[in-house]
Amino acid sequence: MKVFCHHIYEYKKGLRNLILHTMAAKDVAQAIKKLNANNIDYLIQQVTSQKVNVFFGAKECVEVIACFCHKPLNELTTEEDFILGTLLGYNQVVQCARFLKRKETILIHEAS
């Protein structure tokens, strides 16, 4: 929970607009309590029976994530993956390179 609390701190200080924190499912109730106490929007995504992803931050960002994060992250489309990475604050140039590489891979598979 220390890292989770640090993520809340970073969000409140304006360092990030959206955070993705993977945690033990047993801790999710405590996390939700902290998010509600800080009036922070969030989305919970079950990963396994023992792990969950907690997306939290700006309401608009959480709403965008809710549009497509109803499936495992490894099943996101190239476009969804790009949006998620960008919203999480990943390096934009690296995200663009990742997007182009994934698109190229899809085109190669389609041509086969």
PDB file of N, CA and C in Angstrom:
ATOM      1  N   MET A   1       0.819  -1.206   0.000  1.00  0.00           N
ATOM      2  CA  MET A   1       0.000   0.000   0.000  1.00  0.00           C
ATOM      3  C   MET A   1       0.866   1.275   0.000  1.00  0.00           C
ATOM      4  N   LYS A   2       2.131   1.149   0.333  1.00  0.00           N
ATOM      5  CA  LYS A   2       2.990   2.339   0.327  1.00  0.00           C
ATOM      6  C   LYS A   2       3.113   2.921  -1.073  1.00  0.00           C
ATOM      7  N   VAL A   3       3.325   2.063  -2.058  1.00  0.00           N
ATOM      8  CA  VAL A   3       3.441   2.541  -3.438  1.00  0.00           C
ATOM      9  C   VAL A   3       2.107   3.126  -3.897  1.00  0.00           C
ATOM     10  N   PHE A   4       1.012   2.478  -3.536  1.00  0.00           N
ATOM     11  CA  PHE A   4      -0.317   2.984  -3.885  1.00  0.00           C
ATOM     12  C   PHE A   4      -0.520   4.394  -3.312  1.00  0.00           C
ATOM     13  N   CYS A   5      -0.169   4.570  -2.065  1.00  0.00           N
ATOM     14  CA  CYS A   5      -0.306   5.893  -1.429  1.00  0.00           C
ATOM     15  C   CYS A   5       0.598   6.918  -2.113  1.00  0.00           C
ATOM     16  N   HIS A   6       1.767   6.491  -2.547  1.00  0.00           N
ATOM     17  CA  HIS A   6       2.652   7.399  -3.264  1.00  0.00           C
ATOM     18  C   HIS A   6       2.030   7.797  -4.608  1.00  0.00           C
ATOM     19  N   HIS A   7       1.357   6.867  -5.268  1.00  0.00           N
ATOM     20  CA  HIS A   7       0.661   7.188  -6.516  1.00  0.00           C
ATOM     21  C   HIS A   7      -0.432   8.228  -6.270  1.00  0.00           C
ATOM     22  N   ILE A   8      -1.153   8.101  -5.179  1.00  0.00           N
ATOM     23  CA  ILE A   8      -2.169   9.110  -4.835  1.00  0.00           C
ATOM     24  C   ILE A   8      -1.496  10.470  -4.650  1.00  0.00           C
ATOM     25  N   TYR A   9      -0.375  10.478  -3.955  1.00  0.00           N
ATOM     26  CA  TYR A   9       0.385  11.714  -3.750  1.00  0.00           C
ATOM     27  C   TYR A   9       0.769  12.336  -5.086  1.00  0.00           C
ATOM     28  N   GLU A  10       1.313  11.522  -6.012  1.00  0.00           N
ATOM     29  CA  GLU A  10       1.713  12.027  -7.322  1.00  0.00           C
ATOM     30  C   GLU A  10       0.516  12.607  -8.083  1.00  0.00           C
ATOM     31  N   TYR A  11      -0.614  11.941  -8.006  1.00  0.00           N
ATOM     32  CA  TYR A  11      -1.818  12.450  -8.680  1.00  0.00           C
ATOM     33  C   TYR A  11      -2.244  13.792  -8.073  1.00  0.00           C
ATOM     34  N   LYS A  12      -2.300  13.854  -6.766  1.00  0.00           N
ATOM     35  CA  LYS A  12      -2.747  15.080  -6.098  1.00  0.00           C
ATOM     36  C   LYS A  12      -1.794  16.249  -6.338  1.00  0.00           C
ATOM     37  N   LYS A  13      -0.513  15.964  -6.557  1.00  0.00           N
ATOM     38  CA  LYS A  13       0.471  17.015  -6.834  1.00  0.00           C
ATOM     39  C   LYS A  13       0.493  17.399  -8.315  1.00  0.00           C
ATOM     40  N   GLY A  14      -0.299  16.712  -9.125  1.00  0.00           N
ATOM     41  CA  GLY A  14      -0.380  17.054 -10.539  1.00  0.00           C
ATOM     42  C   GLY A  14       0.722  16.450 -11.394  1.00  0.00           C
ATOM     43  N   LEU A  15       1.444  15.478 -10.864  1.00  0.00           N
ATOM     44  CA  LEU A  15       2.514  14.846 -11.634  1.00  0.00           C
ATOM     45  C   LEU A  15       1.977  13.877 -12.688  1.00  0.00           C
ATOM     46  N   ARG A  16       0.810  13.327 -12.417  1.00  0.00           N
ATOM     47  CA  ARG A  16       0.173  12.378 -13.338  1.00  0.00           C
ATOM     48  C   ARG A  16      -1.318  12.647 -13.398  1.00  0.00           C
ATOM     49  N   ASN A  17      -1.905  12.384 -14.563  1.00  0.00           N
ATOM     50  CA  ASN A  17      -3.355  12.516 -14.708  1.00  0.00           C
ATOM     51  C   ASN A  17      -4.062  11.181 -14.553  1.00  0.00           C
ATOM     52  N   LEU A  18      -3.317  10.107 -14.797  1.00  0.00           N
ATOM     53  CA  LEU A  18      -3.882   8.758 -14.690  1.00  0.00           C
ATOM     54  C   LEU A  18      -2.802   7.830 -14.169  1.00  0.00           C
ATOM     55  N   ILE A  19      -3.202   6.942 -13.272  1.00  0.00           N
ATOM     56  CA  ILE A  19      -2.285   5.964 -12.707  1.00  0.00           C
ATOM     57  C   ILE A  19      -2.882   4.583 -12.893  1.00  0.00           C
ATOM     58  N   LEU A  20      -2.027   3.619 -13.193  1.00  0.00           N
ATOM     59  CA  LEU A  20      -2.399   2.206 -13.215  1.00  0.00           C
ATOM     60  C   LEU A  20      -1.578   1.535 -12.131  1.00  0.00           C
ATOM     61  N   HIS A  21      -2.274   0.977 -11.156  1.00  0.00           N
ATOM     62  CA  HIS A  21      -1.595   0.287 -10.053  1.00  0.00           C
ATOM     63  C   HIS A  21      -2.154  -1.130  -9.979  1.00  0.00           C
ATOM     64  N   THR A  22      -1.276  -2.121 -10.085  1.00  0.00           N
ATOM     65  CA  THR A  22      -1.675  -3.520  -9.944  1.00  0.00           C
ATOM     66  C   THR A  22      -1.420  -3.926  -8.503  1.00  0.00           C
ATOM     67  N   MET A  23      -2.432  -4.542  -7.898  1.00  0.00           N
ATOM     68  CA  MET A  23      -2.317  -4.890  -6.482  1.00  0.00           C
ATOM     69  C   MET A  23      -3.014  -6.212  -6.182  1.00  0.00           C
ATOM     70  N   ALA A  24      -2.761  -6.723  -4.997  1.00  0.00           N
ATOM     71  CA  ALA A  24      -3.429  -7.931  -4.532  1.00  0.00           C
ATOM     72  C   ALA A  24      -4.915  -7.636  -4.365  1.00  0.00           C
ATOM     73  N   ALA A  25      -5.736  -8.562  -4.805  1.00  0.00           N
ATOM     74  CA  ALA A  25      -7.188  -8.387  -4.716  1.00  0.00           C
ATOM     75  C   ALA A  25      -7.633  -8.180  -3.267  1.00  0.00           C
ATOM     76  N   LYS A  26      -6.907  -8.772  -2.343  1.00  0.00           N
ATOM     77  CA  LYS A  26      -7.279  -8.636  -0.927  1.00  0.00           C
ATOM     78  C   LYS A  26      -7.157  -7.195  -0.422  1.00  0.00           C
ATOM     79  N   ASP A  27      -6.380  -6.367  -1.119  1.00  0.00           N
ATOM     80  CA  ASP A  27      -6.168  -4.984  -0.692  1.00  0.00           C
ATOM     81  C   ASP A  27      -7.084  -3.976  -1.385  1.00  0.00           C
ATOM     82  N   VAL A  28      -7.917  -4.440  -2.295  1.00  0.00           N
ATOM     83  CA  VAL A  28      -8.696  -3.512  -3.114  1.00  0.00           C
ATOM     84  C   VAL A  28      -9.704  -2.710  -2.274  1.00  0.00           C
ATOM     85  N   ALA A  29     -10.293  -3.300  -1.254  1.00  0.00           N
ATOM     86  CA  ALA A  29     -11.255  -2.566  -0.418  1.00  0.00           C
ATOM     87  C   ALA A  29     -10.583  -1.380   0.275  1.00  0.00           C
ATOM     88  N   GLN A  30      -9.384  -1.601   0.765  1.00  0.00           N
ATOM     89  CA  GLN A  30      -8.629  -0.525   1.414  1.00  0.00           C
ATOM     90  C   GLN A  30      -8.266   0.558   0.386  1.00  0.00           C
ATOM     91  N   ALA A  31      -7.908   0.161  -0.825  1.00  0.00           N
ATOM     92  CA  ALA A  31      -7.571   1.120  -1.881  1.00  0.00           C
ATOM     93  C   ALA A  31      -8.790   1.962  -2.254  1.00  0.00           C
ATOM     94  N   ILE A  32      -9.921   1.319  -2.403  1.00  0.00           N
ATOM     95  CA  ILE A  32     -11.155   2.041  -2.740  1.00  0.00           C
ATOM     96  C   ILE A  32     -11.499   3.035  -1.647  1.00  0.00           C
ATOM     97  N   LYS A  33     -11.321   2.637  -0.406  1.00  0.00           N
ATOM     98  CA  LYS A  33     -11.589   3.539   0.715  1.00  0.00           C
ATOM     99  C   LYS A  33     -10.713   4.785   0.624  1.00  0.00           C
ATOM    100  N   LYS A  34      -9.428   4.603   0.314  1.00  0.00           N
ATOM    101  CA  LYS A  34      -8.499   5.746   0.191  1.00  0.00           C
ATOM    102  C   LYS A  34      -8.872   6.639  -0.995  1.00  0.00           C
ATOM    103  N   LEU A  35      -9.230   6.023  -2.117  1.00  0.00           N
ATOM    104  CA  LEU A  35      -9.612   6.802  -3.298  1.00  0.00           C
ATOM    105  C   LEU A  35     -10.877   7.610  -3.030  1.00  0.00           C
ATOM    106  N   ASN A  36     -11.860   6.978  -2.417  1.00  0.00           N
ATOM    107  CA  ASN A  36     -13.104   7.692  -2.084  1.00  0.00           C
ATOM    108  C   ASN A  36     -12.840   8.823  -1.093  1.00  0.00           C
ATOM    109  N   ALA A  37     -11.984   8.575  -0.106  1.00  0.00           N
ATOM    110  CA  ALA A  37     -11.658   9.600   0.889  1.00  0.00           C
ATOM    111  C   ALA A  37     -10.975  10.809   0.243  1.00  0.00           C
ATOM    112  N   ASN A  38     -10.262  10.565  -0.863  1.00  0.00           N
ATOM    113  CA  ASN A  38      -9.569  11.642  -1.574  1.00  0.00           C
ATOM    114  C   ASN A  38     -10.360  12.154  -2.774  1.00  0.00           C
ATOM    115  N   ASN A  39     -11.586  11.655  -2.927  1.00  0.00           N
ATOM    116  CA  ASN A  39     -12.478  12.070  -4.019  1.00  0.00           C
ATOM    117  C   ASN A  39     -11.798  11.890  -5.391  1.00  0.00           C
ATOM    118  N   ILE A  40     -11.213  10.715  -5.590  1.00  0.00           N
ATOM    119  CA  ILE A  40     -10.509  10.403  -6.833  1.00  0.00           C
ATOM    120  C   ILE A  40     -11.305   9.344  -7.594  1.00  0.00           C
ATOM    121  N   ASP A  41     -11.545   9.607  -8.874  1.00  0.00           N
ATOM    122  CA  ASP A  41     -12.240   8.646  -9.728  1.00  0.00           C
ATOM    123  C   ASP A  41     -11.350   7.438  -9.986  1.00  0.00           C
ATOM    124  N   TYR A  42     -11.970   6.267 -10.137  1.00  0.00           N
ATOM    125  CA  TYR A  42     -11.200   5.047 -10.340  1.00  0.00           C
ATOM    126  C   TYR A  42     -11.997   4.009 -11.115  1.00  0.00           C
ATOM    127  N   LEU A  43     -11.280   3.015 -11.588  1.00  0.00           N
ATOM    128  CA  LEU A  43     -11.858   1.860 -12.270  1.00  0.00           C
ATOM    129  C   LEU A  43     -11.070   0.643 -11.821  1.00  0.00           C
ATOM    130  N   ILE A  44     -11.769  -0.403 -11.426  1.00  0.00           N
ATOM    131  CA  ILE A  44     -11.132  -1.639 -10.989  1.00  0.00           C
ATOM    132  C   ILE A  44     -11.274  -2.666 -12.106  1.00  0.00           C
ATOM    133  N   GLN A  45     -10.164  -3.313 -12.438  1.00  0.00           N
ATOM    134  CA  GLN A  45     -10.166  -4.355 -13.460  1.00  0.00           C
ATOM    135  C   GLN A  45      -9.577  -5.620 -12.854  1.00  0.00           C
ATOM    136  N   GLN A  46     -10.364  -6.688 -12.833  1.00  0.00           N
ATOM    137  CA  GLN A  46      -9.876  -7.969 -12.317  1.00  0.00           C
ATOM    138  C   GLN A  46      -8.847  -8.533 -13.295  1.00  0.00           C
ATOM    139  N   VAL A  47      -7.687  -8.915 -12.794  1.00  0.00           N
ATOM    140  CA  VAL A  47      -6.639  -9.503 -13.624  1.00  0.00           C
ATOM    141  C   VAL A  47      -6.669 -11.020 -13.461  1.00  0.00           C
ATOM    142  N   THR A  48      -6.571 -11.456 -12.215  1.00  0.00           N
ATOM    143  CA  THR A  48      -6.702 -12.870 -11.854  1.00  0.00           C
ATOM    144  C   THR A  48      -7.544 -12.895 -10.576  1.00  0.00           C
ATOM    145  N   SER A  49      -7.746 -14.081 -10.035  1.00  0.00           N
ATOM    146  CA  SER A  49      -8.503 -14.153  -8.778  1.00  0.00           C
ATOM    147  C   SER A  49      -7.753 -13.477  -7.637  1.00  0.00           C
ATOM    148  N   GLN A  50      -6.438 -13.291  -7.808  1.00  0.00           N
ATOM    149  CA  GLN A  50      -5.626 -12.717  -6.738  1.00  0.00           C
ATOM    150  C   GLN A  50      -5.088 -11.326  -7.034  1.00  0.00           C
ATOM    151  N   LYS A  51      -5.255 -10.837  -8.269  1.00  0.00           N
ATOM    152  CA  LYS A  51      -4.707  -9.528  -8.645  1.00  0.00           C
ATOM    153  C   LYS A  51      -5.748  -8.672  -9.356  1.00  0.00           C
ATOM    154  N   VAL A  52      -5.670  -7.361  -9.109  1.00  0.00           N
ATOM    155  CA  VAL A  52      -6.531  -6.397  -9.797  1.00  0.00           C
ATOM    156  C   VAL A  52      -5.685  -5.227 -10.286  1.00  0.00           C
ATOM    157  N   ASN A  53      -6.161  -4.603 -11.349  1.00  0.00           N
ATOM    158  CA  ASN A  53      -5.603  -3.335 -11.800  1.00  0.00           C
ATOM    159  C   ASN A  53      -6.518  -2.245 -11.289  1.00  0.00           C
ATOM    160  N   VAL A  54      -5.936  -1.221 -10.718  1.00  0.00           N
ATOM    161  CA  VAL A  54      -6.695  -0.057 -10.279  1.00  0.00           C
ATOM    162  C   VAL A  54      -6.224   1.122 -11.128  1.00  0.00           C
ATOM    163  N   PHE A  55      -7.123   1.615 -11.972  1.00  0.00           N
ATOM    164  CA  PHE A  55      -6.865   2.824 -12.741  1.00  0.00           C
ATOM    165  C   PHE A  55      -7.476   3.958 -11.941  1.00  0.00           C
ATOM    166  N   PHE A  56      -6.744   5.025 -11.716  1.00  0.00           N
ATOM    167  CA  PHE A  56      -7.348   6.157 -11.020  1.00  0.00           C
ATOM    168  C   PHE A  56      -6.714   7.461 -11.445  1.00  0.00           C
ATOM    169  N   GLY A  57      -7.487   8.537 -11.271  1.00  0.00           N
ATOM    170  CA  GLY A  57      -7.001   9.858 -11.628  1.00  0.00           C
ATOM    171  C   GLY A  57      -8.112  10.757 -12.104  1.00  0.00           C
ATOM    172  N   ALA A  58      -7.789  11.608 -13.087  1.00  0.00           N
ATOM    173  CA  ALA A  58      -8.755  12.572 -13.607  1.00  0.00           C
ATOM    174  C   ALA A  58      -9.979  11.842 -14.169  1.00  0.00           C
ATOM    175  N   LYS A  59     -11.137  12.360 -13.849  1.00  0.00           N
ATOM    176  CA  LYS A  59     -12.392  11.737 -14.253  1.00  0.00           C
ATOM    177  C   LYS A  59     -12.432  11.450 -15.752  1.00  0.00           C
ATOM    178  N   GLU A  60     -12.002  12.409 -16.558  1.00  0.00           N
ATOM    179  CA  GLU A  60     -12.045  12.252 -18.013  1.00  0.00           C
ATOM    180  C   GLU A  60     -11.159  11.091 -18.463  1.00  0.00           C
ATOM    181  N   CYS A  61     -10.004  10.969 -17.861  1.00  0.00           N
ATOM    182  CA  CYS A  61      -9.082   9.880 -18.217  1.00  0.00           C
ATOM    183  C   CYS A  61      -9.666   8.527 -17.825  1.00  0.00           C
ATOM    184  N   VAL A  62     -10.231   8.440 -16.643  1.00  0.00           N
ATOM    185  CA  VAL A  62     -10.838   7.189 -16.182  1.00  0.00           C
ATOM    186  C   VAL A  62     -12.011   6.819 -17.088  1.00  0.00           C
ATOM    187  N   GLU A  63     -12.790   7.813 -17.525  1.00  0.00           N
ATOM    188  CA  GLU A  63     -13.915   7.539 -18.417  1.00  0.00           C
ATOM    189  C   GLU A  63     -13.452   7.000 -19.764  1.00  0.00           C
ATOM    190  N   VAL A  64     -12.345   7.519 -20.279  1.00  0.00           N
ATOM    191  CA  VAL A  64     -11.802   7.006 -21.544  1.00  0.00           C
ATOM    192  C   VAL A  64     -11.366   5.555 -21.358  1.00  0.00           C
ATOM    193  N   ILE A  65     -10.659   5.274 -20.282  1.00  0.00           N
ATOM    194  CA  ILE A  65     -10.187   3.914 -20.014  1.00  0.00           C
ATOM    195  C   ILE A  65     -11.368   2.958 -19.872  1.00  0.00           C
ATOM    196  N   ALA A  66     -12.442   3.410 -19.256  1.00  0.00           N
ATOM    197  CA  ALA A  66     -13.623   2.568 -19.069  1.00  0.00           C
ATOM    198  C   ALA A  66     -14.240   2.148 -20.402  1.00  0.00           C
ATOM    199  N   CYS A  67     -13.982   2.907 -21.445  1.00  0.00           N
ATOM    200  CA  CYS A  67     -14.527   2.574 -22.775  1.00  0.00           C
ATOM    201  C   CYS A  67     -13.928   1.294 -23.342  1.00  0.00           C
ATOM    202  N   PHE A  68     -12.698   0.961 -22.949  1.00  0.00           N
ATOM    203  CA  PHE A  68     -12.084  -0.222 -23.560  1.00  0.00           C
ATOM    204  C   PHE A  68     -11.348  -1.154 -22.614  1.00  0.00           C
ATOM    205  N   CYS A  69     -11.220  -0.831 -21.371  1.00  0.00           N
ATOM    206  CA  CYS A  69     -10.482  -1.711 -20.460  1.00  0.00           C
ATOM    207  C   CYS A  69     -11.405  -2.697 -19.751  1.00  0.00           C
ATOM    208  N   HIS A  70     -12.288  -3.274 -20.520  1.00  0.00           N
ATOM    209  CA  HIS A  70     -13.166  -4.322 -20.005  1.00  0.00           C
ATOM    210  C   HIS A  70     -12.639  -5.686 -20.438  1.00  0.00           C
ATOM    211  N   LYS A  71     -11.427  -5.685 -20.975  1.00  0.00           N
ATOM    212  CA  LYS A  71     -10.757  -6.904 -21.420  1.00  0.00           C
ATOM    213  C   LYS A  71      -9.322  -6.860 -20.926  1.00  0.00           C
ATOM    214  N   PRO A  72      -8.625  -7.997 -20.947  1.00  0.00           N
ATOM    215  CA  PRO A  72      -7.220  -7.988 -20.509  1.00  0.00           C
ATOM    216  C   PRO A  72      -6.391  -6.995 -21.327  1.00  0.00           C
ATOM    217  N   LEU A  73      -5.423  -6.375 -20.689  1.00  0.00           N
ATOM    218  CA  LEU A  73      -4.615  -5.356 -21.355  1.00  0.00           C
ATOM    219  C   LEU A  73      -3.849  -5.905 -22.556  1.00  0.00           C
ATOM    220  N   ASN A  74      -3.504  -7.181 -22.532  1.00  0.00           N
ATOM    221  CA  ASN A  74      -2.788  -7.755 -23.672  1.00  0.00           C
ATOM    222  C   ASN A  74      -3.706  -7.984 -24.876  1.00  0.00           C
ATOM    223  N   GLU A  75      -4.997  -7.745 -24.705  1.00  0.00           N
ATOM    224  CA  GLU A  75      -5.954  -7.876 -25.805  1.00  0.00           C
ATOM    225  C   GLU A  75      -6.399  -6.518 -26.361  1.00  0.00           C
ATOM    226  N   LEU A  76      -5.791  -5.448 -25.883  1.00  0.00           N
ATOM    227  CA  LEU A  76      -6.142  -4.122 -26.405  1.00  0.00           C
ATOM    228  C   LEU A  76      -5.725  -4.017 -27.865  1.00  0.00           C
ATOM    229  N   THR A  77      -6.500  -3.268 -28.625  1.00  0.00           N
ATOM    230  CA  THR A  77      -6.106  -2.992 -30.001  1.00  0.00           C
ATOM    231  C   THR A  77      -4.880  -2.089 -29.963  1.00  0.00           C
ATOM    232  N   THR A  78      -4.241  -1.955 -31.099  1.00  0.00           N
ATOM    233  CA  THR A  78      -3.076  -1.077 -31.191  1.00  0.00           C
ATOM    234  C   THR A  78      -3.448   0.344 -30.792  1.00  0.00           C
ATOM    235  N   GLU A  79      -4.613   0.796 -31.227  1.00  0.00           N
ATOM    236  CA  GLU A  79      -5.060   2.150 -30.908  1.00  0.00           C
ATOM    237  C   GLU A  79      -5.353   2.297 -29.415  1.00  0.00           C
ATOM    238  N   GLU A  80      -6.018   1.304 -28.824  1.00  0.00           N
ATOM    239  CA  GLU A  80      -6.321   1.346 -27.393  1.00  0.00           C
ATOM    240  C   GLU A  80      -5.037   1.332 -26.569  1.00  0.00           C
ATOM    241  N   ASP A  81      -4.079   0.507 -26.962  1.00  0.00           N
ATOM    242  CA  ASP A  81      -2.784   0.438 -26.288  1.00  0.00           C
ATOM    243  C   ASP A  81      -2.087   1.797 -26.335  1.00  0.00           C
ATOM    244  N   PHE A  82      -2.151   2.453 -27.473  1.00  0.00           N
ATOM    245  CA  PHE A  82      -1.539   3.776 -27.635  1.00  0.00           C
ATOM    246  C   PHE A  82      -2.215   4.797 -26.710  1.00  0.00           C
ATOM    247  N   ILE A  83      -3.524   4.788 -26.686  1.00  0.00           N
ATOM    248  CA  ILE A  83      -4.261   5.722 -25.826  1.00  0.00           C
ATOM    249  C   ILE A  83      -3.904   5.484 -24.366  1.00  0.00           C
ATOM    250  N   LEU A  84      -3.914   4.235 -23.949  1.00  0.00           N
ATOM    251  CA  LEU A  84      -3.595   3.920 -22.558  1.00  0.00           C
ATOM    252  C   LEU A  84      -2.191   4.392 -22.191  1.00  0.00           C
ATOM    253  N   GLY A  85      -1.210   4.055 -23.011  1.00  0.00           N
ATOM    254  CA  GLY A  85       0.162   4.473 -22.725  1.00  0.00           C
ATOM    255  C   GLY A  85       0.314   5.977 -22.651  1.00  0.00           C
ATOM    256  N   THR A  86      -0.347   6.668 -23.562  1.00  0.00           N
ATOM    257  CA  THR A  86      -0.281   8.128 -23.574  1.00  0.00           C
ATOM    258  C   THR A  86      -0.931   8.713 -22.325  1.00  0.00           C
ATOM    259  N   LEU A  87      -2.108   8.198 -21.956  1.00  0.00           N
ATOM    260  CA  LEU A  87      -2.787   8.704 -20.757  1.00  0.00           C
ATOM    261  C   LEU A  87      -1.995   8.420 -19.482  1.00  0.00           C
ATOM    262  N   LEU A  88      -1.253   7.323 -19.488  1.00  0.00           N
ATOM    263  CA  LEU A  88      -0.431   7.000 -18.315  1.00  0.00           C
ATOM    264  C   LEU A  88       0.837   7.834 -18.252  1.00  0.00           C
ATOM    265  N   GLY A  89       1.073   8.638 -19.289  1.00  0.00           N
ATOM    266  CA  GLY A  89       2.207   9.551 -19.266  1.00  0.00           C
ATOM    267  C   GLY A  89       3.497   8.958 -19.795  1.00  0.00           C
ATOM    268  N   TYR A  90       3.392   7.841 -20.507  1.00  0.00           N
ATOM    269  CA  TYR A  90       4.594   7.243 -21.077  1.00  0.00           C
ATOM    270  C   TYR A  90       5.143   8.160 -22.163  1.00  0.00           C
ATOM    271  N   ASN A  91       6.417   8.056 -22.414  1.00  0.00           N
ATOM    272  CA  ASN A  91       7.091   8.862 -23.412  1.00  0.00           C
ATOM    273  C   ASN A  91       6.347   8.784 -24.744  1.00  0.00           C
ATOM    274  N   GLN A  92       5.964   9.926 -25.272  1.00  0.00           N
ATOM    275  CA  GLN A  92       5.144   9.958 -26.483  1.00  0.00           C
ATOM    276  C   GLN A  92       5.872   9.393 -27.696  1.00  0.00           C
ATOM    277  N   VAL A  93       7.148   9.662 -27.828  1.00  0.00           N
ATOM    278  CA  VAL A  93       7.903   9.141 -28.966  1.00  0.00           C
ATOM    279  C   VAL A  93       7.985   7.612 -28.878  1.00  0.00           C
ATOM    280  N   VAL A  94       8.225   7.095 -27.690  1.00  0.00           N
ATOM    281  CA  VAL A  94       8.277   5.648 -27.489  1.00  0.00           C
ATOM    282  C   VAL A  94       6.908   5.040 -27.795  1.00  0.00           C
ATOM    283  N   GLN A  95       5.844   5.716 -27.374  1.00  0.00           N
ATOM    284  CA  GLN A  95       4.489   5.226 -27.663  1.00  0.00           C
ATOM    285  C   GLN A  95       4.229   5.199 -29.165  1.00  0.00           C
ATOM    286  N   CYS A  96       4.691   6.221 -29.870  1.00  0.00           N
ATOM    287  CA  CYS A  96       4.521   6.256 -31.327  1.00  0.00           C
ATOM    288  C   CYS A  96       5.285   5.112 -31.984  1.00  0.00           C
ATOM    289  N   ALA A  97       6.497   4.862 -31.542  1.00  0.00           N
ATOM    290  CA  ALA A  97       7.293   3.764 -32.091  1.00  0.00           C
ATOM    291  C   ALA A  97       6.620   2.420 -31.814  1.00  0.00           C
ATOM    292  N   ARG A  98       6.088   2.259 -30.617  1.00  0.00           N
ATOM    293  CA  ARG A  98       5.375   1.017 -30.253  1.00  0.00           C
ATOM    294  C   ARG A  98       4.151   0.842 -31.137  1.00  0.00           C
ATOM    295  N   PHE A  99       3.411   1.918 -31.339  1.00  0.00           N
ATOM    296  CA  PHE A  99       2.219   1.890 -32.192  1.00  0.00           C
ATOM    297  C   PHE A  99       2.586   1.443 -33.603  1.00  0.00           C
ATOM    298  N   LEU A 100       3.617   2.065 -34.171  1.00  0.00           N
ATOM    299  CA  LEU A 100       4.025   1.745 -35.539  1.00  0.00           C
ATOM    300  C   LEU A 100       4.507   0.294 -35.658  1.00  0.00           C
ATOM    301  N   LYS A 101       5.231  -0.168 -34.660  1.00  0.00           N
ATOM    302  CA  LYS A 101       5.718  -1.552 -34.679  1.00  0.00           C
ATOM    303  C   LYS A 101       4.551  -2.532 -34.610  1.00  0.00           C
ATOM    304  N   ARG A 102       3.588  -2.244 -33.753  1.00  0.00           N
ATOM    305  CA  ARG A 102       2.416  -3.132 -33.651  1.00  0.00           C
ATOM    306  C   ARG A 102       1.619  -3.126 -34.944  1.00  0.00           C
ATOM    307  N   LYS A 103       1.460  -1.958 -35.568  1.00  0.00           N
ATOM    308  CA  LYS A 103       0.739  -1.856 -36.841  1.00  0.00           C
ATOM    309  C   LYS A 103       1.461  -2.661 -37.915  1.00  0.00           C
ATOM    310  N   GLU A 104       2.786  -2.544 -37.953  1.00  0.00           N
ATOM    311  CA  GLU A 104       3.579  -3.270 -38.945  1.00  0.00           C
ATOM    312  C   GLU A 104       3.413  -4.775 -38.764  1.00  0.00           C
ATOM    313  N   THR A 105       3.420  -5.232 -37.526  1.00  0.00           N
ATOM    314  CA  THR A 105       3.252  -6.650 -37.213  1.00  0.00           C
ATOM    315  C   THR A 105       1.884  -7.144 -37.699  1.00  0.00           C
ATOM    316  N   ILE A 106       0.860  -6.346 -37.485  1.00  0.00           N
ATOM    317  CA  ILE A 106      -0.485  -6.717 -37.931  1.00  0.00           C
ATOM    318  C   ILE A 106      -0.527  -6.812 -39.457  1.00  0.00           C
ATOM    319  N   LEU A 107       0.072  -5.871 -40.130  1.00  0.00           N
ATOM    320  CA  LEU A 107       0.089  -5.882 -41.602  1.00  0.00           C
ATOM    321  C   LEU A 107       0.833  -7.106 -42.139  1.00  0.00           C
ATOM    322  N   ILE A 108       1.922  -7.480 -41.491  1.00  0.00           N
ATOM    323  CA  ILE A 108       2.685  -8.661 -41.918  1.00  0.00           C
ATOM    324  C   ILE A 108       1.841  -9.921 -41.755  1.00  0.00           C
ATOM    325  N   HIS A 109       1.133 -10.023 -40.631  1.00  0.00           N
ATOM    326  CA  HIS A 109       0.285 -11.205 -40.383  1.00  0.00           C
ATOM    327  C   HIS A 109      -0.875 -11.267 -41.373  1.00  0.00           C
ATOM    328  N   GLU A 110      -1.444 -10.108 -41.692  1.00  0.00           N
ATOM    329  CA  GLU A 110      -2.554 -10.070 -42.639  1.00  0.00           C
ATOM    330  C   GLU A 110      -2.113 -10.457 -44.047  1.00  0.00           C
ATOM    331  N   ALA A 111      -0.866 -10.126 -44.403  1.00  0.00           N
ATOM    332  CA  ALA A 111      -0.347 -10.432 -45.733  1.00  0.00           C
ATOM    333  C   ALA A 111       0.005 -11.912 -45.883  1.00  0.00           C
ATOM    334  N   SER A 112       0.221 -12.586 -44.774  1.00  0.00           N
ATOM    335  CA  SER A 112       0.609 -14.009 -44.816  1.00  0.00           C
ATOM    336  C   SER A 112      -0.529 -14.924 -45.196  1.00  0.00           C
TER     337      SER A 112
END
